[in-house]
N, C-alpha and C. Protein backbone atom coordinates (compact mmCIF):
# COMPACT_ATOMS: atom_id res chain seq x y z
N GLN A 1 -24.24 152.99 118.33
CA GLN A 1 -24.62 153.27 116.94
C GLN A 1 -25.96 152.63 116.64
N VAL A 2 -26.67 153.21 115.69
CA VAL A 2 -27.96 152.67 115.29
C VAL A 2 -28.05 152.66 113.77
N GLN A 3 -28.63 151.62 113.24
CA GLN A 3 -28.87 151.52 111.81
C GLN A 3 -30.36 151.71 111.55
N LEU A 4 -30.69 152.47 110.52
CA LEU A 4 -32.07 152.83 110.24
C LEU A 4 -32.45 152.38 108.83
N VAL A 5 -33.61 151.78 108.71
CA VAL A 5 -34.10 151.34 107.40
C VAL A 5 -35.55 151.79 107.25
N GLU A 6 -35.81 152.58 106.23
CA GLU A 6 -37.16 153.07 105.96
C GLU A 6 -37.89 152.10 105.04
N SER A 7 -39.21 152.11 105.15
CA SER A 7 -40.04 151.32 104.24
C SER A 7 -41.41 151.98 104.14
N GLY A 8 -42.17 151.58 103.14
CA GLY A 8 -43.53 152.06 103.00
C GLY A 8 -43.77 152.99 101.83
N GLY A 9 -42.72 153.27 101.07
CA GLY A 9 -42.89 154.15 99.92
C GLY A 9 -43.67 153.49 98.80
N GLY A 10 -43.97 154.29 97.77
CA GLY A 10 -44.71 153.77 96.62
C GLY A 10 -45.41 154.88 95.89
N LEU A 11 -46.55 154.55 95.30
CA LEU A 11 -47.33 155.51 94.54
C LEU A 11 -48.70 155.65 95.20
N VAL A 12 -49.14 156.86 95.39
CA VAL A 12 -50.44 157.11 96.00
C VAL A 12 -51.12 158.26 95.25
N GLN A 13 -52.43 158.22 95.19
CA GLN A 13 -53.18 159.29 94.54
C GLN A 13 -53.32 160.50 95.45
N ALA A 14 -53.41 161.66 94.86
CA ALA A 14 -53.64 162.88 95.63
C ALA A 14 -54.88 162.72 96.50
N GLY A 15 -54.75 163.17 97.74
CA GLY A 15 -55.84 163.02 98.69
C GLY A 15 -55.77 161.73 99.48
N GLY A 16 -54.88 160.85 99.09
CA GLY A 16 -54.74 159.56 99.75
C GLY A 16 -53.88 159.63 100.99
N SER A 17 -53.62 158.46 101.56
CA SER A 17 -52.83 158.37 102.78
C SER A 17 -51.79 157.27 102.63
N LEU A 18 -50.80 157.35 103.50
CA LEU A 18 -49.69 156.39 103.45
C LEU A 18 -49.02 156.38 104.81
N ARG A 19 -48.43 155.25 105.18
CA ARG A 19 -47.65 155.20 106.41
C ARG A 19 -46.23 154.73 106.09
N LEU A 20 -45.27 155.50 106.52
CA LEU A 20 -43.88 155.12 106.41
C LEU A 20 -43.40 154.55 107.73
N SER A 21 -42.47 153.62 107.67
CA SER A 21 -41.87 153.03 108.86
C SER A 21 -40.36 153.21 108.82
N CYS A 22 -39.78 153.30 109.99
CA CYS A 22 -38.33 153.38 110.13
C CYS A 22 -37.94 152.36 111.19
N ALA A 23 -37.33 151.28 110.75
CA ALA A 23 -36.91 150.23 111.67
C ALA A 23 -35.47 150.46 112.09
N ALA A 24 -35.23 150.39 113.37
CA ALA A 24 -33.90 150.64 113.91
C ALA A 24 -33.30 149.36 114.46
N SER A 25 -31.99 149.27 114.38
CA SER A 25 -31.27 148.14 114.96
C SER A 25 -29.93 148.63 115.48
N GLY A 26 -29.37 147.91 116.40
CA GLY A 26 -28.06 148.23 116.93
C GLY A 26 -28.10 148.90 118.28
N SER A 27 -29.14 149.70 118.53
CA SER A 27 -29.30 150.37 119.80
C SER A 27 -30.78 150.61 120.05
N PRO A 28 -31.19 150.70 121.30
CA PRO A 28 -32.60 151.00 121.58
C PRO A 28 -32.95 152.41 121.11
N VAL A 29 -34.03 152.55 120.37
CA VAL A 29 -34.38 153.87 119.84
C VAL A 29 -34.84 154.82 120.94
N SER A 30 -35.18 154.28 122.09
CA SER A 30 -35.60 155.14 123.19
C SER A 30 -34.51 156.11 123.62
N THR A 31 -33.27 155.81 123.24
CA THR A 31 -32.15 156.68 123.60
C THR A 31 -31.86 157.73 122.52
N TYR A 32 -32.74 157.84 121.54
CA TYR A 32 -32.55 158.81 120.46
C TYR A 32 -33.80 159.65 120.23
N ASN A 33 -33.58 160.92 119.96
CA ASN A 33 -34.62 161.70 119.29
C ASN A 33 -34.60 161.25 117.84
N MET A 34 -35.77 161.23 117.23
CA MET A 34 -35.82 160.76 115.85
C MET A 34 -36.64 161.73 115.00
N GLY A 35 -36.30 161.76 113.73
CA GLY A 35 -36.99 162.69 112.84
C GLY A 35 -37.16 162.13 111.45
N TRP A 36 -38.03 162.78 110.71
CA TRP A 36 -38.23 162.52 109.29
C TRP A 36 -37.84 163.77 108.52
N PHE A 37 -37.09 163.57 107.47
CA PHE A 37 -36.74 164.63 106.54
C PHE A 37 -37.09 164.14 105.13
N ARG A 38 -37.26 165.06 104.23
CA ARG A 38 -37.55 164.66 102.86
C ARG A 38 -36.77 165.51 101.88
N GLN A 39 -36.54 164.93 100.72
CA GLN A 39 -35.82 165.66 99.68
C GLN A 39 -36.45 165.35 98.34
N ALA A 40 -37.03 166.37 97.75
CA ALA A 40 -37.59 166.24 96.41
C ALA A 40 -36.49 166.51 95.39
N THR A 41 -36.66 166.00 94.20
CA THR A 41 -35.67 166.16 93.15
C THR A 41 -35.40 167.64 92.91
N GLY A 42 -34.13 168.00 92.98
CA GLY A 42 -33.73 169.38 92.73
C GLY A 42 -33.87 170.31 93.92
N ASN A 43 -34.35 169.78 95.05
CA ASN A 43 -34.56 170.60 96.24
C ASN A 43 -33.60 170.22 97.35
N GLU A 44 -33.48 171.11 98.31
CA GLU A 44 -32.71 170.81 99.51
C GLU A 44 -33.50 169.85 100.40
N ARG A 45 -32.77 169.13 101.24
CA ARG A 45 -33.44 168.29 102.23
C ARG A 45 -34.18 169.18 103.21
N GLU A 46 -35.43 168.84 103.51
CA GLU A 46 -36.21 169.65 104.42
C GLU A 46 -36.78 168.82 105.56
N PHE A 47 -36.96 169.47 106.66
CA PHE A 47 -37.51 168.86 107.86
C PHE A 47 -38.99 168.57 107.67
N VAL A 48 -39.42 167.43 108.19
CA VAL A 48 -40.84 167.06 108.15
C VAL A 48 -41.41 166.99 109.57
N ALA A 49 -40.80 166.17 110.41
CA ALA A 49 -41.33 165.97 111.76
C ALA A 49 -40.26 165.36 112.64
N ALA A 50 -40.40 165.53 113.95
CA ALA A 50 -39.46 164.94 114.89
C ALA A 50 -40.19 164.52 116.16
N ILE A 51 -39.60 163.58 116.88
CA ILE A 51 -40.22 163.06 118.09
C ILE A 51 -39.13 162.75 119.11
N ARG A 52 -39.43 163.10 120.36
CA ARG A 52 -38.51 162.86 121.45
C ARG A 52 -38.33 161.38 121.71
N GLY A 53 -37.24 161.03 122.38
CA GLY A 53 -36.99 159.64 122.73
C GLY A 53 -38.14 159.02 123.51
N SER A 54 -38.74 159.80 124.38
CA SER A 54 -39.86 159.32 125.19
C SER A 54 -41.16 159.27 124.40
N GLY A 55 -41.19 159.98 123.28
CA GLY A 55 -42.41 160.06 122.48
C GLY A 55 -43.37 161.14 122.93
N VAL A 56 -43.04 161.85 124.00
CA VAL A 56 -43.95 162.84 124.57
C VAL A 56 -44.00 164.11 123.73
N GLU A 57 -42.84 164.54 123.25
CA GLU A 57 -42.76 165.81 122.52
C GLU A 57 -42.61 165.54 121.03
N THR A 58 -43.36 166.28 120.23
CA THR A 58 -43.25 166.19 118.78
C THR A 58 -43.14 167.59 118.18
N ASN A 59 -42.68 167.65 116.95
CA ASN A 59 -42.56 168.91 116.23
C ASN A 59 -42.81 168.63 114.75
N TYR A 60 -43.49 169.56 114.08
CA TYR A 60 -43.83 169.37 112.68
C TYR A 60 -43.49 170.61 111.87
N ALA A 61 -43.13 170.39 110.62
CA ALA A 61 -43.02 171.50 109.69
C ALA A 61 -44.41 172.05 109.43
N ASP A 62 -44.49 173.35 109.19
CA ASP A 62 -45.79 173.99 109.01
C ASP A 62 -46.57 173.38 107.85
N ASN A 63 -45.88 172.97 106.81
CA ASN A 63 -46.59 172.50 105.62
C ASN A 63 -47.11 171.07 105.74
N VAL A 64 -46.84 170.40 106.87
CA VAL A 64 -47.40 169.07 107.07
C VAL A 64 -48.26 169.01 108.33
N LYS A 65 -48.24 170.07 109.12
CA LYS A 65 -48.97 170.07 110.38
C LYS A 65 -50.46 169.85 110.11
N GLY A 66 -51.03 168.93 110.86
CA GLY A 66 -52.44 168.61 110.68
C GLY A 66 -52.69 167.51 109.66
N ARG A 67 -51.68 167.19 108.86
CA ARG A 67 -51.83 166.12 107.86
C ARG A 67 -50.96 164.91 108.18
N PHE A 68 -49.82 165.14 108.83
CA PHE A 68 -48.88 164.08 109.14
C PHE A 68 -48.84 163.86 110.65
N THR A 69 -48.62 162.61 111.05
CA THR A 69 -48.46 162.27 112.46
C THR A 69 -47.24 161.38 112.63
N ILE A 70 -46.33 161.82 113.47
CA ILE A 70 -45.15 161.02 113.79
C ILE A 70 -45.40 160.27 115.08
N SER A 71 -44.94 159.04 115.14
CA SER A 71 -45.10 158.24 116.36
C SER A 71 -43.95 157.25 116.44
N ARG A 72 -43.84 156.61 117.58
CA ARG A 72 -42.77 155.64 117.73
C ARG A 72 -43.23 154.52 118.63
N ASP A 73 -42.68 153.36 118.39
CA ASP A 73 -42.91 152.18 119.21
C ASP A 73 -41.54 151.76 119.72
N ASN A 74 -41.20 152.25 120.90
CA ASN A 74 -39.85 151.96 121.40
C ASN A 74 -39.65 150.48 121.67
N GLY A 75 -40.71 149.80 122.06
CA GLY A 75 -40.58 148.36 122.28
C GLY A 75 -40.27 147.61 121.00
N GLY A 76 -40.81 148.12 119.90
CA GLY A 76 -40.58 147.52 118.60
C GLY A 76 -39.44 148.15 117.83
N ASN A 77 -38.78 149.14 118.47
CA ASN A 77 -37.65 149.83 117.84
C ASN A 77 -38.01 150.38 116.47
N THR A 78 -39.19 150.98 116.39
CA THR A 78 -39.67 151.48 115.10
C THR A 78 -40.31 152.84 115.26
N MET A 79 -40.14 153.67 114.25
CA MET A 79 -40.80 154.96 114.20
C MET A 79 -41.69 154.99 112.96
N TYR A 80 -42.76 155.77 113.04
CA TYR A 80 -43.72 155.82 111.94
C TYR A 80 -44.00 157.27 111.53
N LEU A 81 -44.44 157.40 110.29
CA LEU A 81 -44.96 158.68 109.82
C LEU A 81 -46.24 158.38 109.07
N GLU A 82 -47.37 158.75 109.66
CA GLU A 82 -48.66 158.57 109.02
C GLU A 82 -49.02 159.86 108.30
N MET A 83 -49.38 159.73 107.05
CA MET A 83 -49.60 160.90 106.20
C MET A 83 -50.98 160.83 105.58
N TYR A 84 -51.71 161.92 105.66
CA TYR A 84 -53.07 161.99 105.14
C TYR A 84 -53.18 163.18 104.20
N ASN A 85 -54.23 163.14 103.36
CA ASN A 85 -54.50 164.24 102.44
C ASN A 85 -53.24 164.65 101.67
N LEU A 86 -52.62 163.66 101.09
CA LEU A 86 -51.37 163.89 100.38
C LEU A 86 -51.60 164.67 99.10
N ASN A 87 -50.60 165.45 98.73
CA ASN A 87 -50.65 166.18 97.48
C ASN A 87 -49.31 166.03 96.77
N PRO A 88 -49.27 166.35 95.48
CA PRO A 88 -48.04 166.13 94.71
C PRO A 88 -46.81 166.79 95.31
N ALA A 89 -46.99 167.88 96.04
CA ALA A 89 -45.84 168.55 96.66
C ALA A 89 -45.19 167.70 97.74
N ASP A 90 -45.86 166.65 98.18
CA ASP A 90 -45.28 165.75 99.18
C ASP A 90 -44.38 164.70 98.55
N THR A 91 -44.35 164.62 97.24
CA THR A 91 -43.49 163.66 96.54
C THR A 91 -42.03 163.93 96.87
N ALA A 92 -41.32 162.91 97.33
CA ALA A 92 -39.93 163.07 97.73
C ALA A 92 -39.37 161.73 98.17
N VAL A 93 -38.08 161.72 98.42
CA VAL A 93 -37.45 160.64 99.15
C VAL A 93 -37.49 161.03 100.63
N TYR A 94 -38.03 160.14 101.44
CA TYR A 94 -38.17 160.41 102.87
C TYR A 94 -37.11 159.63 103.64
N HIS A 95 -36.39 160.35 104.48
CA HIS A 95 -35.33 159.76 105.28
C HIS A 95 -35.69 159.85 106.75
N CYS A 96 -35.40 158.80 107.50
CA CYS A 96 -35.49 158.91 108.94
C CYS A 96 -34.09 159.14 109.51
N ALA A 97 -34.06 159.76 110.67
CA ALA A 97 -32.80 160.13 111.28
C ALA A 97 -32.90 159.99 112.79
N ALA A 98 -31.74 159.78 113.43
CA ALA A 98 -31.69 159.63 114.88
C ALA A 98 -30.57 160.49 115.43
N GLY A 99 -30.85 161.15 116.54
CA GLY A 99 -29.87 161.98 117.19
C GLY A 99 -29.95 161.83 118.70
N SER A 100 -28.94 162.32 119.38
CA SER A 100 -28.87 162.13 120.82
C SER A 100 -30.09 162.70 121.54
N VAL A 101 -30.62 161.92 122.47
CA VAL A 101 -31.74 162.38 123.26
C VAL A 101 -31.33 163.46 124.24
N LEU A 102 -30.02 163.67 124.40
CA LEU A 102 -29.52 164.72 125.29
C LEU A 102 -29.64 166.10 124.65
N LYS A 103 -29.86 166.14 123.35
CA LYS A 103 -30.02 167.42 122.66
C LYS A 103 -31.50 167.79 122.61
N PRO A 104 -31.80 169.07 122.44
CA PRO A 104 -33.20 169.46 122.25
C PRO A 104 -33.75 168.88 120.95
N LEU A 105 -35.04 168.69 120.90
CA LEU A 105 -35.67 168.24 119.67
C LEU A 105 -35.46 169.30 118.60
N SER A 106 -35.05 168.87 117.42
CA SER A 106 -34.58 169.84 116.44
C SER A 106 -35.12 169.56 115.05
N ALA A 107 -35.28 170.62 114.28
CA ALA A 107 -35.62 170.54 112.86
C ALA A 107 -34.38 170.70 111.99
N TRP A 108 -33.24 170.78 112.60
CA TRP A 108 -31.98 171.04 111.92
C TRP A 108 -31.27 169.73 111.64
N ALA A 109 -31.06 169.41 110.39
CA ALA A 109 -30.51 168.12 110.00
C ALA A 109 -29.18 167.78 110.67
N PRO A 110 -28.25 168.73 110.83
CA PRO A 110 -26.97 168.38 111.48
C PRO A 110 -27.11 167.94 112.94
N SER A 111 -28.29 168.11 113.53
CA SER A 111 -28.50 167.63 114.90
C SER A 111 -28.64 166.12 114.97
N TYR A 112 -28.80 165.50 113.83
CA TYR A 112 -29.01 164.06 113.77
C TYR A 112 -27.74 163.37 113.28
N ASP A 113 -27.41 162.29 113.96
CA ASP A 113 -26.15 161.61 113.71
C ASP A 113 -26.26 160.42 112.78
N TYR A 114 -27.43 159.83 112.72
CA TYR A 114 -27.61 158.61 111.94
C TYR A 114 -28.78 158.79 110.99
N TRP A 115 -28.60 158.26 109.79
CA TRP A 115 -29.59 158.45 108.73
C TRP A 115 -29.86 157.14 108.01
N GLY A 116 -31.09 156.96 107.60
CA GLY A 116 -31.43 155.85 106.73
C GLY A 116 -31.20 156.22 105.27
N GLN A 117 -31.30 155.24 104.41
CA GLN A 117 -31.06 155.45 102.97
C GLN A 117 -32.24 156.14 102.30
N GLY A 118 -33.40 156.07 102.89
CA GLY A 118 -34.56 156.76 102.34
C GLY A 118 -35.51 155.83 101.63
N THR A 119 -36.76 156.27 101.57
CA THR A 119 -37.78 155.56 100.80
C THR A 119 -38.53 156.59 99.97
N GLN A 120 -38.76 156.27 98.72
CA GLN A 120 -39.38 157.20 97.78
C GLN A 120 -40.88 156.95 97.72
N PHE A 121 -41.64 158.02 97.76
CA PHE A 121 -43.01 157.87 97.32
C PHE A 121 -43.45 159.05 96.48
N THR A 122 -44.38 158.75 95.61
CA THR A 122 -44.86 159.71 94.63
C THR A 122 -46.36 159.88 94.80
N VAL A 123 -46.80 161.13 94.83
CA VAL A 123 -48.23 161.44 94.90
C VAL A 123 -48.67 161.87 93.51
N ALA A 124 -49.55 161.09 92.91
CA ALA A 124 -50.04 161.39 91.57
C ALA A 124 -51.26 162.30 91.65
N SER A 125 -51.29 163.28 90.76
CA SER A 125 -52.42 164.22 90.78
C SER A 125 -53.59 163.67 89.98
């Protein structure tokens, strides 16, 4: 089992940047594929980005591609989401998630077994 805790949320101006972190404990994160999902008020949870256990393979939602970068530090048991050129549509609660590295990298939330509580950030226009 792995426990996930997100951090780095807050308030940022449109066009700004922010980095979110997901700290894991309980198991080495190298044994999990990991992802970021977000949920804005009144919306369904949506996929943002995912990264393989090895860190070699990544996947992004079309609406963040080129603006967001997912990475991981397996030695530090932490995953990151660096976000640039933010806009108000990026406002949401961001959750990190972990799923078995034996599965393909996925944008589908049920593929992930463990979830953090989320961190909120708001992009002001």
